[in-house]
Amino acid sequence: MSVRTSSANVRPAPDLDSQAGQSMVEVETSVIARAFVLLACFIRDSEELALADLVKRTGLPKGTVHRLAAQLMAVGALERSGKRYRLGLCLFELSGAVWAQRVLRDLAMPYMQDLYSVTKETIQLAWFDAEEVLYIDRVRGHDGIVLPTFPGGRMPAYCTALGKAMLAFSSPDSFRAVVSRGLTPLSRRTVTAPGMLVSQLRNIRKTKLAYDMEEAVPGVACVAAPILDEAGAAIAAISVSMTTPRLRRLRLDTVAHAADGIGKAVRARRRSAFPVTPQHYAGWTRLSGR
């Protein structure tokens, strides 16, 4: 989408050197900037901080810190435990969106491209959101098969290989939530019996490979593998989609290898980006539906 601008409204770039002092004053007095200064206090090794700790670390007046903390609590950015504060889960939801849109996609793409180079089929990356499969990225195959999926789109978890790969490594609550919404058939091969779906998920836990044999799209088969975190729970999944006759020539180990590689890359990035604490896991648990 192009954006038109009027020359009358275009201003010359500011002289950063001459306005440095003014910019610092604006940053220091901005409510948003001060809120981020307060939130940055939690980047250190403390999970919970008292009001006095926040005052000391920010250098802001006690009354200002108290008001900022109250405002951040109102929007879910902070939570209170007794007389101490901790980061709210809404921040983990935002960070999770960043991982889905940027970090996870960037880490996964080399493996997706490698998998495509071997299979020449459509490769898709997705994660579990609100009992559904949320597609993050894909590499389109040579055959041009028509799929009802696209980055940002959603599909039911129970009838897609990606969804079943993640359900198999999620909590029982996630499974119950999916079943409670109904196993509506998308094709004549969709599994609609909860017991049969349970059997499939048990087998997926053993093999770490999930299949969709024309359950979502007639004539299209899909194989997926879960991308696991440090606790062995599914963060996301990667899949290969193709016309059903071509499934027999697919090397299944290539799908599992790609998922394992992405999982290792994600775990390494998370360890280097921030220390893993129970609070971090709480955020990821909420995001992935576990």
C-alpha atoms as a PDB file:
ATOM      1  CA  MET A   1       0.000   0.000   0.000  1.00  0.00           C
ATOM      2  CA  SER A   2       1.441   3.341  -0.989  1.00  0.00           C
ATOM      3  CA  VAL A   3       1.174   6.366   1.275  1.00  0.00           C
ATOM      4  CA  ARG A   4       0.766   9.815  -0.232  1.00  0.00           C
ATOM      5  CA  THR A   5       2.166  12.818   1.521  1.00  0.00           C
ATOM      6  CA  SER A   6       1.723  16.491   0.785  1.00  0.00           C
ATOM      7  CA  SER A   7       4.924  18.473   0.344  1.00  0.00           C
ATOM      8  CA  ALA A   8       3.406  21.157   2.541  1.00  0.00           C
ATOM      9  CA  ASN A   9       3.269  18.683   5.402  1.00  0.00           C
ATOM     10  CA  VAL A  10       6.763  17.268   4.958  1.00  0.00           C
ATOM     11  CA  ARG A  11       9.204  18.668   7.473  1.00  0.00           C
ATOM     12  CA  PRO A  12      13.010  18.556   7.237  1.00  0.00           C
ATOM     13  CA  ALA A  13      14.771  16.064   9.473  1.00  0.00           C
ATOM     14  CA  PRO A  14      15.617  17.581  12.853  1.00  0.00           C
ATOM     15  CA  ASP A  15      19.164  18.500  13.805  1.00  0.00           C
ATOM     16  CA  LEU A  16      19.753  15.802  16.385  1.00  0.00           C
ATOM     17  CA  ASP A  17      22.907  17.340  17.760  1.00  0.00           C
ATOM     18  CA  SER A  18      21.391  20.764  18.421  1.00  0.00           C
ATOM     19  CA  GLN A  19      18.193  19.278  19.842  1.00  0.00           C
ATOM     20  CA  ALA A  20      19.760  16.502  21.932  1.00  0.00           C
ATOM     21  CA  GLY A  21      19.145  18.324  25.204  1.00  0.00           C
ATOM     22  CA  GLN A  22      15.524  19.013  24.322  1.00  0.00           C
ATOM     23  CA  SER A  23      14.960  15.379  23.297  1.00  0.00           C
ATOM     24  CA  MET A  24      16.305  14.103  26.596  1.00  0.00           C
ATOM     25  CA  VAL A  25      13.966  16.400  28.491  1.00  0.00           C
ATOM     26  CA  GLU A  26      11.007  15.127  26.470  1.00  0.00           C
ATOM     27  CA  VAL A  27      11.982  11.504  27.095  1.00  0.00           C
ATOM     28  CA  GLU A  28      12.472  12.061  30.801  1.00  0.00           C
ATOM     29  CA  THR A  29       9.103  13.794  31.223  1.00  0.00           C
ATOM     30  CA  SER A  30       7.073  11.515  28.943  1.00  0.00           C
ATOM     31  CA  VAL A  31       4.616   9.320  30.821  1.00  0.00           C
ATOM     32  CA  ILE A  32       5.169   6.494  28.350  1.00  0.00           C
ATOM     33  CA  ALA A  33       8.936   6.756  28.677  1.00  0.00           C
ATOM     34  CA  ARG A  34       8.750   6.722  32.463  1.00  0.00           C
ATOM     35  CA  ALA A  35       6.472   3.692  32.333  1.00  0.00           C
ATOM     36  CA  PHE A  36       9.061   1.840  30.246  1.00  0.00           C
ATOM     37  CA  VAL A  37      11.810   2.912  32.656  1.00  0.00           C
ATOM     38  CA  LEU A  38       9.776   1.332  35.439  1.00  0.00           C
ATOM     39  CA  LEU A  39       9.146  -1.874  33.480  1.00  0.00           C
ATOM     40  CA  ALA A  40      12.860  -2.091  32.635  1.00  0.00           C
ATOM     41  CA  CYS A  41      13.584  -2.553  36.333  1.00  0.00           C
ATOM     42  CA  PHE A  42      12.345  -6.128  35.971  1.00  0.00           C
ATOM     43  CA  ILE A  43      14.896  -6.961  33.269  1.00  0.00           C
ATOM     44  CA  ARG A  44      17.405  -7.621  36.020  1.00  0.00           C
ATOM     45  CA  ASP A  45      17.444 -10.780  38.106  1.00  0.00           C
ATOM     46  CA  SER A  46      14.422  -9.917  40.238  1.00  0.00           C
ATOM     47  CA  GLU A  47      10.993 -11.392  39.560  1.00  0.00           C
ATOM     48  CA  GLU A  48       9.215  -9.249  42.165  1.00  0.00           C
ATOM     49  CA  LEU A  49      10.068  -5.768  43.421  1.00  0.00           C
ATOM     50  CA  ALA A  50       8.733  -3.616  46.230  1.00  0.00           C
ATOM     51  CA  LEU A  51       7.743   0.013  45.694  1.00  0.00           C
ATOM     52  CA  ALA A  52      10.949   1.130  47.392  1.00  0.00           C
ATOM     53  CA  ASP A  53      12.994  -0.982  44.960  1.00  0.00           C
ATOM     54  CA  LEU A  54      11.274   0.649  41.992  1.00  0.00           C
ATOM     55  CA  VAL A  55      11.857   4.128  43.410  1.00  0.00           C
ATOM     56  CA  LYS A  56      15.548   3.382  43.914  1.00  0.00           C
ATOM     57  CA  ARG A  57      16.060   1.838  40.472  1.00  0.00           C
ATOM     58  CA  THR A  58      14.135   4.453  38.507  1.00  0.00           C
ATOM     59  CA  GLY A  59      15.223   7.532  40.447  1.00  0.00           C
ATOM     60  CA  LEU A  60      11.647   8.809  40.181  1.00  0.00           C
ATOM     61  CA  PRO A  61       9.618  10.275  43.060  1.00  0.00           C
ATOM     62  CA  LYS A  62       7.710   7.760  45.160  1.00  0.00           C
ATOM     63  CA  GLY A  63       4.350   9.296  44.264  1.00  0.00           C
ATOM     64  CA  THR A  64       5.148   9.106  40.544  1.00  0.00           C
ATOM     65  CA  VAL A  65       6.219   5.461  40.775  1.00  0.00           C
ATOM     66  CA  HIS A  66       3.069   4.597  42.729  1.00  0.00           C
ATOM     67  CA  ARG A  67       0.829   6.234  40.098  1.00  0.00           C
ATOM     68  CA  LEU A  68       2.686   4.594  37.213  1.00  0.00           C
ATOM     69  CA  ALA A  69       2.492   1.195  38.883  1.00  0.00           C
ATOM     70  CA  ALA A  70      -1.263   1.607  39.404  1.00  0.00           C
ATOM     71  CA  GLN A  71      -1.763   2.572  35.749  1.00  0.00           C
ATOM     72  CA  LEU A  72       0.334  -0.363  34.533  1.00  0.00           C
ATOM     73  CA  MET A  73      -1.630  -2.726  36.768  1.00  0.00           C
ATOM     74  CA  ALA A  74      -4.888  -1.400  35.285  1.00  0.00           C
ATOM     75  CA  VAL A  75      -3.816  -2.509  31.789  1.00  0.00           C
ATOM     76  CA  GLY A  76      -2.278  -5.805  32.918  1.00  0.00           C
ATOM     77  CA  ALA A  77       1.354  -4.820  32.426  1.00  0.00           C
ATOM     78  CA  LEU A  78       2.058  -5.253  36.146  1.00  0.00           C
ATOM     79  CA  GLU A  79       0.582  -7.491  38.815  1.00  0.00           C
ATOM     80  CA  ARG A  80       0.718  -7.119  42.589  1.00  0.00           C
ATOM     81  CA  SER A  81       1.597  -9.901  45.000  1.00  0.00           C
ATOM     82  CA  GLY A  82       1.246  -8.608  48.533  1.00  0.00           C
ATOM     83  CA  LYS A  83       3.411  -5.500  48.736  1.00  0.00           C
ATOM     84  CA  ARG A  84       5.532  -6.439  45.733  1.00  0.00           C
ATOM     85  CA  TYR A  85       5.079  -6.008  41.991  1.00  0.00           C
ATOM     86  CA  ARG A  86       5.804  -8.331  39.094  1.00  0.00           C
ATOM     87  CA  LEU A  87       5.368  -8.231  35.328  1.00  0.00           C
ATOM     88  CA  GLY A  88       1.853  -8.926  34.084  1.00  0.00           C
ATOM     89  CA  LEU A  89       0.914 -11.624  31.610  1.00  0.00           C
ATOM     90  CA  CYS A  90      -0.163  -9.085  28.996  1.00  0.00           C
ATOM     91  CA  LEU A  91       3.534  -8.355  28.430  1.00  0.00           C
ATOM     92  CA  PHE A  92       4.150 -12.030  27.745  1.00  0.00           C
ATOM     93  CA  GLU A  93       1.278 -11.995  25.285  1.00  0.00           C
ATOM     94  CA  LEU A  94       2.940  -9.088  23.482  1.00  0.00           C
ATOM     95  CA  SER A  95       6.348 -10.765  23.572  1.00  0.00           C
ATOM     96  CA  GLY A  96       4.736 -13.931  22.285  1.00  0.00           C
ATOM     97  CA  ALA A  97       3.345 -12.000  19.339  1.00  0.00           C
ATOM     98  CA  VAL A  98       6.843 -10.728  18.597  1.00  0.00           C
ATOM     99  CA  TRP A  99       8.177 -14.290  18.708  1.00  0.00           C
ATOM    100  CA  ALA A 100       5.473 -15.489  16.351  1.00  0.00           C
ATOM    101  CA  GLN A 101       5.852 -12.646  13.906  1.00  0.00           C
ATOM    102  CA  ARG A 102       9.603 -12.161  13.974  1.00  0.00           C
ATOM    103  CA  VAL A 103      11.873 -14.363  16.038  1.00  0.00           C
ATOM    104  CA  LEU A 104      10.183 -17.727  15.529  1.00  0.00           C
ATOM    105  CA  ARG A 105       9.675 -17.012  11.837  1.00  0.00           C
ATOM    106  CA  ASP A 106      13.295 -15.914  11.373  1.00  0.00           C
ATOM    107  CA  LEU A 107      14.651 -18.942  13.204  1.00  0.00           C
ATOM    108  CA  ALA A 108      12.403 -21.356  11.333  1.00  0.00           C
ATOM    109  CA  MET A 109      12.828 -20.046   7.790  1.00  0.00           C
ATOM    110  CA  PRO A 110      16.250 -21.636   7.056  1.00  0.00           C
ATOM    111  CA  TYR A 111      14.852 -25.029   8.062  1.00  0.00           C
ATOM    112  CA  MET A 112      11.690 -24.429   6.048  1.00  0.00           C
ATOM    113  CA  GLN A 113      13.775 -23.593   2.993  1.00  0.00           C
ATOM    114  CA  ASP A 114      15.944 -26.676   3.506  1.00  0.00           C
ATOM    115  CA  LEU A 115      12.836 -28.840   3.807  1.00  0.00           C
ATOM    116  CA  TYR A 116      11.429 -27.286   0.654  1.00  0.00           C
ATOM    117  CA  SER A 117      14.659 -27.891  -1.252  1.00  0.00           C
ATOM    118  CA  VAL A 118      14.400 -31.601  -0.399  1.00  0.00           C
ATOM    119  CA  THR A 119      10.663 -32.079  -0.961  1.00  0.00           C
ATOM    120  CA  LYS A 120       9.657 -29.289  -3.393  1.00  0.00           C
ATOM    121  CA  GLU A 121       6.341 -29.330  -1.523  1.00  0.00           C
ATOM    122  CA  THR A 122       4.500 -26.621   0.436  1.00  0.00           C
ATOM    123  CA  ILE A 123       6.039 -26.039   3.883  1.00  0.00           C
ATOM    124  CA  GLN A 124       4.024 -24.364   6.642  1.00  0.00           C
ATOM    125  CA  LEU A 125       4.809 -23.068  10.124  1.00  0.00           C
ATOM    126  CA  ALA A 126       2.082 -22.567  12.723  1.00  0.00           C
ATOM    127  CA  TRP A 127       1.342 -22.423  16.399  1.00  0.00           C
ATOM    128  CA  PHE A 128      -1.587 -23.159  18.690  1.00  0.00           C
ATOM    129  CA  ASP A 129      -3.840 -20.228  19.580  1.00  0.00           C
ATOM    130  CA  ALA A 130      -7.318 -20.304  21.142  1.00  0.00           C
ATOM    131  CA  GLU A 131      -7.839 -23.994  20.290  1.00  0.00           C
ATOM    132  CA  GLU A 132      -6.991 -23.345  16.644  1.00  0.00           C
ATOM    133  CA  VAL A 133      -3.993 -23.522  14.320  1.00  0.00           C
ATOM    134  CA  LEU A 134      -2.631 -20.050  13.596  1.00  0.00           C
ATOM    135  CA  TYR A 135      -0.452 -20.037  10.470  1.00  0.00           C
ATOM    136  CA  ILE A 136       2.722 -17.977  10.765  1.00  0.00           C
ATOM    137  CA  ASP A 137       4.595 -18.513   7.498  1.00  0.00           C
ATOM    138  CA  ARG A 138       4.884 -20.815   4.492  1.00  0.00           C
ATOM    139  CA  VAL A 139       7.010 -21.691   1.482  1.00  0.00           C
ATOM    140  CA  ARG A 140       4.847 -22.555  -1.498  1.00  0.00           C
ATOM    141  CA  GLY A 141       5.630 -25.764  -3.370  1.00  0.00           C
ATOM    142  CA  HIS A 142       6.067 -26.337  -7.101  1.00  0.00           C
ATOM    143  CA  ASP A 143       2.820 -28.224  -7.624  1.00  0.00           C
ATOM    144  CA  GLY A 144       0.546 -25.275  -6.966  1.00  0.00           C
ATOM    145  CA  ILE A 145      -1.938 -27.198  -4.820  1.00  0.00           C
ATOM    146  CA  VAL A 146      -4.723 -24.983  -3.536  1.00  0.00           C
ATOM    147  CA  LEU A 147      -4.751 -24.736   0.255  1.00  0.00           C
ATOM    148  CA  PRO A 148      -7.237 -22.728   2.344  1.00  0.00           C
ATOM    149  CA  THR A 149      -4.364 -21.541   4.529  1.00  0.00           C
ATOM    150  CA  PHE A 150      -2.172 -18.464   4.596  1.00  0.00           C
ATOM    151  CA  PRO A 151      -0.011 -16.602   7.141  1.00  0.00           C
ATOM    152  CA  GLY A 152      -2.373 -15.094   9.684  1.00  0.00           C
ATOM    153  CA  GLY A 153      -5.145 -17.544   8.811  1.00  0.00           C
ATOM    154  CA  ARG A 154      -6.631 -20.200  11.056  1.00  0.00           C
ATOM    155  CA  MET A 155      -7.801 -23.798  10.790  1.00  0.00           C
ATOM    156  CA  PRO A 156      -9.256 -26.279  13.309  1.00  0.00           C
ATOM    157  CA  ALA A 157      -6.633 -28.181  15.267  1.00  0.00           C
ATOM    158  CA  TYR A 158      -8.372 -31.578  15.273  1.00  0.00           C
ATOM    159  CA  CYS A 159      -8.297 -32.154  11.507  1.00  0.00           C
ATOM    160  CA  THR A 160      -4.895 -30.722  10.536  1.00  0.00           C
ATOM    161  CA  ALA A 161      -1.515 -32.373  10.938  1.00  0.00           C
ATOM    162  CA  LEU A 162      -0.114 -29.172  12.439  1.00  0.00           C
ATOM    163  CA  GLY A 163      -2.904 -28.995  14.987  1.00  0.00           C
ATOM    164  CA  LYS A 164      -2.639 -32.638  15.986  1.00  0.00           C
ATOM    165  CA  ALA A 165       1.149 -32.365  16.300  1.00  0.00           C
ATOM    166  CA  MET A 166       0.699 -29.556  18.812  1.00  0.00           C
ATOM    167  CA  LEU A 167      -2.303 -31.061  20.600  1.00  0.00           C
ATOM    168  CA  ALA A 168      -0.345 -34.243  21.262  1.00  0.00           C
ATOM    169  CA  PHE A 169       2.215 -32.228  23.221  1.00  0.00           C
ATOM    170  CA  SER A 170      -0.207 -29.871  24.964  1.00  0.00           C
ATOM    171  CA  SER A 171      -2.221 -30.167  28.161  1.00  0.00           C
ATOM    172  CA  PRO A 172      -5.382 -32.279  28.566  1.00  0.00           C
ATOM    173  CA  ASP A 173      -7.246 -28.991  29.070  1.00  0.00           C
ATOM    174  CA  SER A 174      -6.319 -27.945  25.538  1.00  0.00           C
ATOM    175  CA  PHE A 175      -7.690 -31.204  24.162  1.00  0.00           C
ATOM    176  CA  ARG A 176     -10.918 -30.849  26.145  1.00  0.00           C
ATOM    177  CA  ALA A 177     -11.321 -27.272  24.922  1.00  0.00           C
ATOM    178  CA  VAL A 178     -10.956 -28.382  21.302  1.00  0.00           C
ATOM    179  CA  VAL A 179     -13.435 -31.244  21.701  1.00  0.00           C
ATOM    180  CA  SER A 180     -15.939 -29.023  23.532  1.00  0.00           C
ATOM    181  CA  ARG A 181     -16.165 -26.800  20.464  1.00  0.00           C
ATOM    182  CA  GLY A 182     -17.206 -29.778  18.372  1.00  0.00           C
ATOM    183  CA  LEU A 183     -15.331 -31.881  15.816  1.00  0.00           C
ATOM    184  CA  THR A 184     -17.142 -30.550  12.759  1.00  0.00           C
ATOM    185  CA  PRO A 185     -16.141 -32.425   9.586  1.00  0.00           C
ATOM    186  CA  LEU A 186     -14.343 -30.471   6.874  1.00  0.00           C
ATOM    187  CA  SER A 187     -14.289 -33.485   4.574  1.00  0.00           C
ATOM    188  CA  ARG A 188     -15.686 -37.007   4.569  1.00  0.00           C
ATOM    189  CA  ARG A 189     -12.398 -38.201   6.115  1.00  0.00           C
ATOM    190  CA  THR A 190     -12.357 -35.807   9.082  1.00  0.00           C
ATOM    191  CA  VAL A 191     -12.079 -37.647  12.392  1.00  0.00           C
ATOM    192  CA  THR A 192     -15.141 -36.646  14.426  1.00  0.00           C
ATOM    193  CA  ALA A 193     -14.979 -39.249  17.212  1.00  0.00           C
ATOM    194  CA  PRO A 194     -13.046 -37.967  20.283  1.00  0.00           C
ATOM    195  CA  GLY A 195     -11.846 -41.494  21.086  1.00  0.00           C
ATOM    196  CA  MET A 196     -10.285 -41.918  17.657  1.00  0.00           C
ATOM    197  CA  LEU A 197      -8.594 -38.517  17.980  1.00  0.00           C
ATOM    198  CA  VAL A 198      -7.173 -39.560  21.363  1.00  0.00           C
ATOM    199  CA  SER A 199      -5.735 -42.685  19.740  1.00  0.00           C
ATOM    200  CA  GLN A 200      -4.098 -40.581  17.030  1.00  0.00           C
ATOM    201  CA  LEU A 201      -2.583 -38.201  19.584  1.00  0.00           C
ATOM    202  CA  ARG A 202      -1.122 -41.113  21.591  1.00  0.00           C
ATOM    203  CA  ASN A 203       0.601 -42.397  18.479  1.00  0.00           C
ATOM    204  CA  ILE A 204       1.886 -38.910  17.651  1.00  0.00           C
ATOM    205  CA  ARG A 205       3.485 -38.665  21.089  1.00  0.00           C
ATOM    206  CA  LYS A 206       5.386 -41.865  20.317  1.00  0.00           C
ATOM    207  CA  THR A 207       6.508 -40.992  16.780  1.00  0.00           C
ATOM    208  CA  LYS A 208       6.544 -37.158  16.925  1.00  0.00           C
ATOM    209  CA  LEU A 209       4.857 -37.179  13.512  1.00  0.00           C
ATOM    210  CA  ALA A 210       1.245 -36.219  12.794  1.00  0.00           C
ATOM    211  CA  TYR A 211      -0.775 -36.931   9.660  1.00  0.00           C
ATOM    212  CA  ASP A 212      -3.746 -35.374   7.923  1.00  0.00           C
ATOM    213  CA  MET A 213      -4.965 -37.789   5.246  1.00  0.00           C
ATOM    214  CA  GLU A 214      -7.421 -35.573   3.381  1.00  0.00           C
ATOM    215  CA  GLU A 215      -9.109 -34.705   6.688  1.00  0.00           C
ATOM    216  CA  ALA A 216      -9.038 -30.958   6.022  1.00  0.00           C
ATOM    217  CA  VAL A 217      -8.781 -30.693   2.220  1.00  0.00           C
ATOM    218  CA  PRO A 218      -9.875 -33.457  -0.199  1.00  0.00           C
ATOM    219  CA  GLY A 219      -6.948 -34.752  -2.223  1.00  0.00           C
ATOM    220  CA  VAL A 220      -4.317 -33.175   0.028  1.00  0.00           C
ATOM    221  CA  ALA A 221      -2.197 -34.995   2.612  1.00  0.00           C
ATOM    222  CA  CYS A 222      -0.026 -33.370   5.244  1.00  0.00           C
ATOM    223  CA  VAL A 223       2.714 -34.503   7.625  1.00  0.00           C
ATOM    224  CA  ALA A 224       3.729 -32.358  10.599  1.00  0.00           C
ATOM    225  CA  ALA A 225       6.161 -32.476  13.501  1.00  0.00           C
ATOM    226  CA  PRO A 226       6.008 -30.507  16.771  1.00  0.00           C
ATOM    227  CA  ILE A 227       8.565 -27.878  17.754  1.00  0.00           C
ATOM    228  CA  LEU A 228       9.169 -28.456  21.464  1.00  0.00           C
ATOM    229  CA  ASP A 229      10.345 -26.236  24.314  1.00  0.00           C
ATOM    230  CA  GLU A 230      12.608 -27.089  27.238  1.00  0.00           C
ATOM    231  CA  ALA A 231       9.774 -28.870  29.035  1.00  0.00           C
ATOM    232  CA  GLY A 232       8.866 -30.992  26.018  1.00  0.00           C
ATOM    233  CA  ALA A 233       5.672 -29.055  25.252  1.00  0.00           C
ATOM    234  CA  ALA A 234       4.766 -27.793  21.794  1.00  0.00           C
ATOM    235  CA  ILE A 235       5.682 -24.203  20.958  1.00  0.00           C
ATOM    236  CA  ALA A 236       4.738 -24.558  17.300  1.00  0.00           C
ATOM    237  CA  ALA A 237       4.834 -27.099  14.462  1.00  0.00           C
ATOM    238  CA  ILE A 238       6.103 -27.430  10.903  1.00  0.00           C
ATOM    239  CA  SER A 239       4.434 -29.370   8.098  1.00  0.00           C
ATOM    240  CA  VAL A 240       4.743 -30.567   4.519  1.00  0.00           C
ATOM    241  CA  SER A 241       1.586 -30.559   2.358  1.00  0.00           C
ATOM    242  CA  MET A 242       1.206 -32.403  -0.939  1.00  0.00           C
ATOM    243  CA  THR A 243      -1.264 -34.306  -3.087  1.00  0.00           C
ATOM    244  CA  THR A 244      -2.024 -37.645  -1.437  1.00  0.00           C
ATOM    245  CA  PRO A 245      -0.278 -39.889  -4.048  1.00  0.00           C
ATOM    246  CA  ARG A 246       3.039 -38.110  -3.449  1.00  0.00           C
ATOM    247  CA  LEU A 247       3.035 -38.877   0.271  1.00  0.00           C
ATOM    248  CA  ARG A 248       4.603 -42.304  -0.281  1.00  0.00           C
ATOM    249  CA  ARG A 249       7.835 -40.761  -1.579  1.00  0.00           C
ATOM    250  CA  LEU A 250       8.240 -38.271   1.266  1.00  0.00           C
ATOM    251  CA  ARG A 251      11.169 -38.917   3.609  1.00  0.00           C
ATOM    252  CA  LEU A 252       9.454 -38.548   6.968  1.00  0.00           C
ATOM    253  CA  ASP A 253      12.728 -38.074   8.816  1.00  0.00           C
ATOM    254  CA  THR A 254      13.265 -34.756   7.015  1.00  0.00           C
ATOM    255  CA  VAL A 255      10.156 -33.289   8.662  1.00  0.00           C
ATOM    256  CA  ALA A 256      11.193 -34.467  12.125  1.00  0.00           C
ATOM    257  CA  HIS A 257      14.737 -33.207  11.564  1.00  0.00           C
ATOM    258  CA  ALA A 258      13.488 -29.734  10.587  1.00  0.00           C
ATOM    259  CA  ALA A 259      11.246 -29.507  13.667  1.00  0.00           C
ATOM    260  CA  ASP A 260      14.084 -30.641  15.924  1.00  0.00           C
ATOM    261  CA  GLY A 261      16.438 -28.055  14.420  1.00  0.00           C
ATOM    262  CA  ILE A 262      13.949 -25.226  14.897  1.00  0.00           C
ATOM    263  CA  GLY A 263      13.294 -26.340  18.468  1.00  0.00           C
ATOM    264  CA  LYS A 264      16.985 -26.258  19.311  1.00  0.00           C
ATOM    265  CA  ALA A 265      17.351 -22.806  17.734  1.00  0.00           C
ATOM    266  CA  VAL A 266      14.353 -21.450  19.650  1.00  0.00           C
ATOM    267  CA  ARG A 267      15.552 -22.868  22.967  1.00  0.00           C
ATOM    268  CA  ALA A 268      19.020 -21.427  22.450  1.00  0.00           C
ATOM    269  CA  ARG A 269      17.628 -17.991  21.560  1.00  0.00           C
ATOM    270  CA  ARG A 270      15.338 -17.940  24.563  1.00  0.00           C
ATOM    271  CA  ARG A 271      18.190 -18.841  26.913  1.00  0.00           C
ATOM    272  CA  SER A 272      20.364 -16.086  25.505  1.00  0.00           C
ATOM    273  CA  ALA A 273      17.573 -13.489  25.335  1.00  0.00           C
ATOM    274  CA  PHE A 274      16.447 -13.748  28.958  1.00  0.00           C
ATOM    275  CA  PRO A 275      16.794 -16.050  31.964  1.00  0.00           C
ATOM    276  CA  VAL A 276      14.081 -18.691  32.021  1.00  0.00           C
ATOM    277  CA  THR A 277      11.975 -18.312  35.172  1.00  0.00           C
ATOM    278  CA  PRO A 278       8.633 -19.750  36.278  1.00  0.00           C
ATOM    279  CA  GLN A 279       7.058 -16.427  35.296  1.00  0.00           C
ATOM    280  CA  HIS A 280       8.383 -16.732  31.738  1.00  0.00           C
ATOM    281  CA  TYR A 281       6.966 -20.226  31.510  1.00  0.00           C
ATOM    282  CA  ALA A 282       3.612 -18.910  32.755  1.00  0.00           C
ATOM    283  CA  GLY A 283       3.512 -16.492  29.853  1.00  0.00           C
ATOM    284  CA  TRP A 284       4.413 -19.102  27.255  1.00  0.00           C
ATOM    285  CA  THR A 285       1.944 -21.554  28.805  1.00  0.00           C
ATOM    286  CA  ARG A 286      -0.867 -19.063  28.392  1.00  0.00           C
ATOM    287  CA  LEU A 287       0.155 -18.215  24.846  1.00  0.00           C
ATOM    288  CA  SER A 288       0.417 -21.775  23.621  1.00  0.00           C
ATOM    289  CA  GLY A 289      -2.761 -22.935  25.341  1.00  0.00           C
ATOM    290  CA  ARG A 290      -1.068 -25.444  27.617  1.00  0.00           C
END
